[in-house]
Protein backbone atom coordinates (compact mmCIF):
# COMPACT_ATOMS: atom_id res chain seq x y z
CA MET A 1 17.55 -14.51 68.70
CA PRO A 2 21.56 -13.47 69.35
CA TYR A 3 23.40 -11.15 66.82
CA ILE A 4 24.08 -12.80 63.71
CA ASP A 5 27.69 -12.19 62.32
CA ARG A 6 27.98 -10.41 59.08
CA GLN A 7 30.33 -11.69 56.31
CA ILE A 8 31.53 -8.10 55.32
CA SER A 9 32.72 -7.20 59.17
CA ASP A 10 36.39 -8.14 58.69
CA SER A 11 36.66 -5.73 55.51
CA ILE A 12 35.09 -3.00 57.41
CA LEU A 13 37.27 -3.61 60.48
CA THR A 14 40.38 -3.47 58.28
CA ALA A 15 39.44 -0.20 56.12
CA ILE A 16 38.90 1.75 59.40
CA LYS A 17 42.56 1.46 59.80
CA TYR A 18 43.32 3.16 56.63
CA TYR A 19 40.55 5.27 56.25
CA PRO A 20 38.91 8.16 58.30
CA ALA A 21 35.59 7.44 57.18
CA ILE A 22 33.35 4.15 56.47
CA ILE A 23 30.14 4.79 54.28
CA MET A 24 27.51 1.82 54.53
CA THR A 25 24.97 1.84 52.04
CA GLY A 26 22.27 -0.36 51.15
CA PRO A 27 18.40 -1.11 51.42
CA ARG A 28 16.58 0.11 54.46
CA GLN A 29 16.47 -2.48 57.45
CA SER A 30 19.15 -4.68 55.81
CA GLY A 31 21.21 -4.41 59.49
CA LYS A 32 23.37 -1.46 58.32
CA THR A 33 22.79 0.23 61.84
CA THR A 34 23.02 -2.76 63.86
CA LEU A 35 26.34 -4.03 62.13
CA ALA A 36 27.67 -0.40 62.81
CA ARG A 37 26.81 -0.25 66.57
CA HIS A 38 27.82 -3.56 66.73
CA LEU A 39 31.58 -3.24 65.28
CA PHE A 40 31.87 -0.01 66.78
CA PRO A 41 30.16 0.07 70.41
CA ASP A 42 32.28 2.94 71.89
CA TYR A 43 31.31 5.38 68.96
CA THR A 44 28.75 8.25 69.56
CA PHE A 45 25.47 7.36 67.77
CA VAL A 46 23.09 9.53 66.17
CA ASN A 47 20.25 9.21 63.77
CA ILE A 48 19.86 12.20 61.13
CA GLU A 49 16.34 10.94 60.06
CA ASP A 50 15.21 12.08 63.68
CA LEU A 51 13.93 15.44 63.33
CA SER A 52 15.15 17.12 66.18
CA THR A 53 18.60 15.61 65.80
CA ARG A 54 18.78 16.93 62.16
CA ASN A 55 17.70 20.47 63.19
CA ARG A 56 20.17 20.46 65.80
CA ALA A 57 22.57 19.96 63.08
CA ILE A 58 21.21 21.97 60.65
CA ASP A 59 21.47 25.13 63.07
CA ASP A 60 24.97 24.42 63.59
CA ILE A 61 27.01 21.71 61.81
CA ASN A 62 30.42 22.15 63.03
CA GLY A 63 28.88 22.57 66.92
CA PHE A 64 26.77 19.20 66.14
CA LEU A 65 29.99 17.47 64.99
CA ASP A 66 32.05 18.69 68.13
CA SER A 67 29.28 17.39 70.15
CA LEU A 68 29.89 13.67 68.68
CA GLY A 69 33.63 13.47 69.80
CA PRO A 70 36.29 12.22 67.86
CA ARG A 71 34.82 8.69 66.98
CA ALA A 72 30.85 8.59 65.57
CA ILE A 73 28.20 6.63 63.91
CA ILE A 74 25.91 9.00 61.97
CA ASP A 75 22.84 7.22 60.79
CA GLU A 76 21.00 7.97 57.59
CA ILE A 77 23.27 10.72 56.71
CA GLN A 78 21.66 10.94 52.78
CA ASN A 79 19.09 13.23 54.97
CA MET A 80 21.76 16.00 55.39
CA PRO A 81 24.54 15.35 52.62
CA GLU A 82 25.62 18.98 53.43
CA MET A 83 27.42 17.64 56.49
CA LEU A 84 29.91 15.71 54.30
CA SER A 85 31.92 18.60 53.32
CA SER A 86 32.22 19.57 56.96
CA ILE A 87 33.43 15.79 57.65
CA GLN A 88 36.02 16.20 54.97
CA ALA A 89 37.34 19.22 56.33
CA ARG A 90 37.86 17.67 59.81
CA VAL A 91 39.40 14.49 58.47
CA ASP A 92 41.70 16.54 56.65
CA ASN A 93 42.97 18.45 59.72
CA ASP A 94 43.12 15.47 61.93
CA GLN A 95 43.65 11.84 60.64
CA SER A 96 42.77 10.32 64.26
CA LEU A 97 38.97 11.29 63.68
CA ARG A 98 36.86 8.25 62.35
CA TYR A 99 33.28 8.39 61.08
CA ILE A 100 30.55 5.78 60.31
CA LEU A 101 28.20 6.86 57.87
CA THR A 102 25.12 4.88 57.23
CA GLY A 103 22.44 5.61 54.30
CA SER A 104 19.56 3.86 52.89
CA ASN A 105 20.09 4.96 49.37
CA ASN A 106 22.88 5.91 46.63
CA PHE A 107 21.29 8.94 45.16
CA SER A 108 22.71 12.06 46.56
CA LEU A 109 24.52 10.32 49.19
CA LEU A 110 27.21 8.52 46.63
CA HIS A 111 27.26 11.37 44.35
CA ASN A 112 28.11 13.96 47.36
CA SER A 113 30.14 11.38 49.34
CA MET A 114 32.52 10.42 46.51
CA GLN A 115 33.12 14.13 45.83
CA SER A 116 33.55 15.42 49.23
CA LEU A 117 35.15 12.42 50.65
CA ALA A 118 37.46 10.99 47.73
CA GLY A 119 40.23 9.24 49.19
CA ARG A 120 39.28 9.61 52.54
CA ALA A 121 36.31 7.03 52.75
CA ALA A 122 35.87 3.22 52.10
CA LEU A 123 32.58 2.22 50.55
CA PHE A 124 30.72 -1.11 51.49
CA THR A 125 27.25 -2.35 50.49
CA VAL A 126 25.07 -4.03 53.36
CA LEU A 127 22.50 -6.04 51.72
CA PRO A 128 19.99 -8.99 53.48
CA PHE A 129 21.51 -11.98 54.81
CA SER A 130 23.52 -14.19 52.72
CA PHE A 131 23.39 -18.23 53.01
CA LYS A 132 26.92 -18.17 54.31
CA GLU A 133 25.79 -15.83 57.60
CA LEU A 134 22.83 -18.21 58.38
CA SER A 135 22.73 -21.03 60.63
CA LYS A 136 21.68 -24.54 59.22
CA SER A 137 18.64 -24.31 61.35
CA ILE A 138 17.44 -21.27 59.60
CA LEU A 139 17.98 -22.53 56.03
CA ASP A 140 16.85 -26.04 56.57
CA ILE A 141 13.22 -25.34 56.08
CA PRO A 142 11.22 -25.91 52.80
CA THR A 143 12.66 -24.14 49.83
CA SER A 144 9.20 -22.42 49.11
CA GLU A 145 9.08 -21.15 52.83
CA LEU A 146 12.45 -19.79 52.31
CA MET A 147 12.08 -17.82 49.30
CA TRP A 148 8.60 -16.44 50.91
CA ARG A 149 10.21 -15.54 53.92
CA GLY A 150 13.32 -13.68 52.60
CA PHE A 151 16.45 -12.54 53.99
CA TYR A 152 15.81 -9.12 55.81
CA PRO A 153 16.97 -9.43 59.55
CA GLY A 154 13.40 -8.64 60.30
CA THR A 155 11.75 -11.65 59.02
CA VAL A 156 15.27 -13.93 60.24
CA SER A 157 16.13 -11.94 63.33
CA ASP A 158 12.91 -10.45 64.67
CA LEU A 159 10.77 -13.16 63.65
CA ILE A 160 8.10 -10.88 61.93
CA PRO A 161 5.67 -12.89 59.66
CA PRO A 162 6.62 -12.21 56.33
CA ASP A 163 3.27 -10.64 55.20
CA ILE A 164 3.27 -8.10 58.20
CA PHE A 165 7.00 -7.26 57.43
CA TYR A 166 7.14 -7.02 53.63
CA ARG A 167 3.36 -5.04 53.49
CA ASN A 168 4.94 -2.45 55.96
CA TYR A 169 8.19 -2.27 54.17
CA TYR A 170 6.49 -1.79 51.06
CA GLY A 171 4.61 0.89 52.28
CA THR A 172 7.44 2.82 54.05
CA TYR A 173 9.63 2.37 51.09
CA ILE A 174 6.69 4.17 48.64
CA GLU A 175 5.51 6.66 51.18
CA ARG A 176 9.11 7.53 52.21
CA ASP A 177 11.78 6.76 49.95
CA ILE A 178 10.08 7.45 46.53
CA ARG A 179 8.71 10.48 47.30
CA ALA A 180 12.37 11.56 48.88
CA LEU A 181 14.11 10.48 45.82
CA SER A 182 12.19 11.58 43.11
CA GLN A 183 9.19 13.67 41.83
CA VAL A 184 6.67 10.26 40.97
CA GLN A 185 3.51 12.20 40.06
CA HIS A 186 1.67 8.98 39.54
CA LEU A 187 2.37 6.66 42.78
CA ASP A 188 -0.26 4.23 41.36
CA LYS A 189 1.27 3.70 38.44
CA PHE A 190 4.77 3.40 39.92
CA GLN A 191 3.22 0.76 42.08
CA LEU A 192 1.91 -1.13 39.07
CA PHE A 193 5.45 -0.67 37.42
CA MET A 194 6.91 -2.33 40.38
CA ARG A 195 4.34 -5.38 40.27
CA LEU A 196 4.92 -5.95 36.43
CA CYS A 197 8.84 -5.73 37.42
CA ALA A 198 8.20 -8.49 39.72
CA ALA A 199 6.47 -10.53 37.05
CA ARG A 200 9.39 -10.17 34.86
CA VAL A 201 12.09 -11.28 37.06
CA GLY A 202 14.96 -12.79 35.81
CA SER A 203 13.87 -11.57 32.24
CA GLU A 204 15.54 -9.02 30.10
CA ILE A 205 14.46 -5.63 30.67
CA ASN A 206 11.81 -4.33 27.97
CA LEU A 207 11.05 -0.92 28.33
CA ALA A 208 8.40 -0.41 25.76
CA SER A 209 6.44 -3.29 26.91
CA LEU A 210 6.40 -2.06 30.67
CA SER A 211 5.59 1.26 29.09
CA VAL A 212 2.62 0.25 27.22
CA GLU A 213 1.07 -1.67 30.66
CA ALA A 214 2.43 0.71 33.00
CA GLY A 215 0.66 3.44 30.83
CA VAL A 216 3.83 6.06 31.10
CA SER A 217 6.45 6.86 28.78
CA ALA A 218 9.64 4.54 27.69
CA PRO A 219 12.12 7.28 29.38
CA THR A 220 9.86 7.41 32.44
CA ILE A 221 10.24 3.71 32.86
CA SER A 222 13.87 4.01 32.70
CA ALA A 223 13.99 6.50 35.46
CA TRP A 224 11.50 4.27 37.48
CA ILE A 225 14.16 1.46 36.97
CA SER A 226 17.04 3.73 38.15
CA LEU A 227 14.73 4.70 41.34
CA LEU A 228 14.45 0.66 42.27
CA LYS A 229 18.31 0.28 41.54
CA ALA A 230 19.29 3.39 43.66
CA SER A 231 17.09 2.51 46.67
CA TYR A 232 18.27 -1.15 46.38
CA ILE A 233 15.32 -2.72 45.52
CA ALA A 234 16.07 -4.27 42.38
CA TYR A 235 19.27 -4.38 40.28
CA SER A 236 20.40 -5.28 36.49
CA LEU A 237 22.72 -8.11 35.45
CA PRO A 238 24.64 -7.21 32.14
CA PRO A 239 24.95 -9.89 29.24
CA TYR A 240 28.29 -11.34 28.65
CA PHE A 241 30.36 -10.31 25.87
CA ALA A 242 33.35 -12.26 24.47
CA ASN A 243 33.52 -10.85 21.22
CA ILE A 244 32.53 -14.35 19.64
CA SER A 245 29.70 -13.22 17.71
CA LYS A 246 27.31 -10.50 17.03
CA ARG A 247 24.27 -12.89 17.83
CA LEU A 248 24.52 -11.83 21.50
CA THR A 249 21.53 -9.78 23.30
CA LYS A 250 22.79 -6.22 24.98
CA THR A 251 19.82 -5.89 26.99
CA PRO A 252 20.25 -6.46 30.58
CA LYS A 253 17.80 -8.70 32.90
CA LEU A 254 16.21 -7.46 35.96
CA TYR A 255 16.45 -8.98 39.66
CA PHE A 256 15.59 -7.99 43.16
CA TYR A 257 17.80 -7.88 46.10
CA ASP A 258 15.35 -10.13 48.10
CA SER A 259 13.05 -12.93 47.34
CA GLY A 260 10.51 -11.94 50.17
CA LEU A 261 9.92 -8.51 48.83
CA LEU A 262 9.37 -10.35 45.18
CA CYS A 263 6.89 -12.36 46.68
CA TYR A 264 5.05 -9.91 48.16
CA LEU A 265 4.85 -7.96 44.71
CA LEU A 266 3.91 -11.22 43.05
CA GLY A 267 0.80 -11.41 45.46
CA ILE A 268 2.10 -14.49 47.10
CA GLU A 269 0.84 -14.74 50.57
CA GLN A 270 1.57 -18.23 51.64
CA PRO A 271 4.37 -20.31 51.09
CA SER A 272 2.50 -23.15 49.60
CA GLN A 273 1.35 -20.98 46.70
CA LEU A 274 5.22 -21.13 45.57
CA ASP A 275 4.85 -25.00 45.21
CA THR A 276 2.88 -24.57 41.98
CA HIS A 277 3.28 -20.82 41.08
CA PRO A 278 4.43 -20.51 37.47
CA LEU A 279 7.53 -18.12 38.44
CA ARG A 280 8.73 -20.68 41.41
CA GLY A 281 11.64 -21.03 38.82
CA ALA A 282 12.08 -17.45 38.33
CA VAL A 283 12.12 -16.87 42.06
CA PHE A 284 14.35 -19.57 42.82
CA GLU A 285 16.80 -18.09 39.76
CA ASN A 286 16.61 -14.62 41.55
CA ILE A 287 17.86 -16.35 44.82
CA ALA A 288 20.95 -18.09 43.20
CA VAL A 289 21.74 -14.94 41.28
CA THR A 290 21.36 -12.61 44.30
CA GLU A 291 23.39 -14.94 46.46
CA MET A 292 26.60 -14.43 44.28
CA VAL A 293 25.98 -10.74 44.27
CA LYS A 294 25.83 -10.48 47.94
CA ASN A 295 29.03 -12.81 48.08
CA ARG A 296 30.83 -10.68 46.41
CA TYR A 297 29.64 -7.34 48.20
CA ASN A 298 30.21 -9.03 51.14
CA ILE A 299 33.96 -9.49 50.53
CA ALA A 300 34.14 -5.41 49.55
CA LYS A 301 34.14 -6.23 45.91
CA GLU A 302 31.83 -5.28 42.98
CA PRO A 303 29.55 -8.04 41.70
CA ASN A 304 31.26 -10.02 38.54
CA ILE A 305 28.54 -11.93 37.24
CA TYR A 306 26.66 -11.87 34.00
CA PHE A 307 24.27 -13.80 32.01
CA TYR A 308 24.81 -15.51 28.28
CA ARG A 309 21.88 -15.27 25.82
CA GLU A 310 21.94 -15.59 21.98
CA ASN A 311 19.26 -14.04 19.93
CA SER A 312 18.11 -17.47 19.01
CA GLY A 313 17.36 -17.93 22.48
CA ARG A 314 19.88 -20.20 23.78
CA GLU A 315 21.12 -19.10 27.19
CA VAL A 316 23.17 -19.88 30.19
CA ASP A 317 21.77 -18.08 33.53
CA ILE A 318 25.13 -17.23 35.34
CA ILE A 319 28.80 -16.54 33.86
CA GLU A 320 31.20 -15.67 36.70
CA GLU A 321 34.36 -13.90 35.54
CA THR A 322 37.54 -14.59 37.88
CA PRO A 323 41.19 -14.07 37.17
CA ASP A 324 41.64 -17.64 36.42
CA GLY A 325 38.51 -18.09 33.85
CA LEU A 326 34.92 -18.22 33.77
CA ASN A 327 32.76 -20.35 36.02
CA ILE A 328 29.41 -20.98 34.07
CA TYR A 329 26.08 -22.07 35.98
CA GLU A 330 22.63 -23.19 34.98
CA VAL A 331 19.96 -22.47 37.34
CA LYS A 332 17.02 -25.21 38.10
CA ALA A 333 14.56 -25.17 40.73
CA GLY A 334 13.91 -28.90 40.01
CA ALA A 335 14.80 -30.98 43.37
CA THR A 336 15.76 -33.74 40.98
CA PHE A 337 18.92 -33.63 38.99
CA GLN A 338 18.29 -34.18 35.19
CA THR A 339 20.67 -34.75 32.29
CA ASP A 340 18.89 -32.23 30.30
CA PHE A 341 19.97 -29.66 32.57
CA THR A 342 23.17 -29.26 31.20
CA LYS A 343 22.24 -28.88 27.54
CA ASN A 344 23.18 -25.49 27.28
CA ILE A 345 26.29 -25.46 29.51
CA LYS A 346 27.89 -28.26 27.32
CA TYR A 347 27.16 -25.93 24.39
CA LEU A 348 28.87 -23.11 25.82
CA GLN A 349 31.97 -25.31 26.89
CA LYS A 350 32.41 -26.02 23.30
CA LEU A 351 32.12 -22.18 22.52
CA LEU A 352 34.30 -20.56 24.86
CA PRO A 353 37.87 -21.70 25.41
CA ASN A 354 38.44 -20.28 29.03
CA ILE A 355 35.76 -21.96 31.03
CA ARG A 356 37.23 -22.94 34.40
CA THR A 357 34.11 -24.56 36.15
CA ALA A 358 30.71 -25.67 34.79
CA ALA A 359 27.87 -26.70 37.22
CA VAL A 360 24.18 -26.74 37.60
CA ILE A 361 22.63 -24.99 40.68
CA TYR A 362 19.51 -27.13 41.36
CA ASN A 363 16.92 -27.30 44.45
CA GLY A 364 18.49 -30.58 45.88
CA ASP A 365 17.02 -34.01 46.16
CA THR A 366 15.70 -34.31 49.78
CA GLN A 367 12.19 -32.92 49.86
CA GLY A 368 13.10 -29.38 48.63
CA LYS A 369 15.41 -28.56 51.46
CA ASN A 370 19.11 -28.51 50.08
CA LEU A 371 18.69 -25.09 48.55
CA LEU A 372 21.35 -24.37 45.71
CA ASN A 373 22.79 -27.63 45.44
CA LEU A 374 25.86 -27.90 42.59
CA ARG A 375 26.57 -30.39 40.42
CA ASP A 376 29.47 -30.20 38.70
CA ILE A 377 29.29 -30.67 34.78
């Protein structure tokens, strides 16, 4: 399949005019390397994950950087964060130098790079494909298959069967990233924890409950959730506060960056299982929320979305905060619009004065193929 243009490209090409370094973070295999090499084909490319390359750099960092020339892509630089201070010294001495740095986690990479390259680097998050980046032919498949297939380039561009792709992706993540990022002593319990998180997708994070079921302490669960976030497996959606009441919950919800990996963790082996799966609605909601997160990162902005929930249980799935007011959305996996979908939205319209747009995101009316249809209220 030909190269698929990434929405974030324009922002990166603009930033490189003003910053000597570009840092691309995001999950493994989300397309960072392909994007960097496509946008900067004349740059020297090296991958620090390659042991021989890394050893050459360790022996003589400055000599290694000299060999790359004035424009270079340095892939998986989190494997050698000490290189960042050398890059900083170089760009301070020569503003014409340009470096594209990629990394598959935001642990040491972000901490060190933001200290060493503060004011010298522009940071971008590259996630799996968004709907805006994919053609109608790719999207025009039954919703269950689309959710099961996911949006990683491996399943979209390379057409790797999802069961093969996600099994290997998960194995690589556990064996490589988790061992590298943290001293997880009980990998079997960590893997159980991941599956428990998948079963709670779109729900508020309950540390105590996860602690009991995974058989580890609540502080360990909190640390493991941080691991999922740092390696771009999952993220938390905060609740919205408008100072209107003390009834609002303070606990964030947990979502996954990709529905295909989520389905794998749920043990879903075929799209047909999703048709009647009890968590179909949660997987659909995960796609809707994540699509809005991707769209923000793809224009080089932080996510601006929240959820609303009262202790009574009344809830609206998405609140998007904009300079012009709030956009509120209810997400429903049904293929046929029903007036009952609007109940909580209408309640919130009366409660919040600055609502700009109110709509239901649902699965459409044509055999479940029109994913993420909007119906304004």
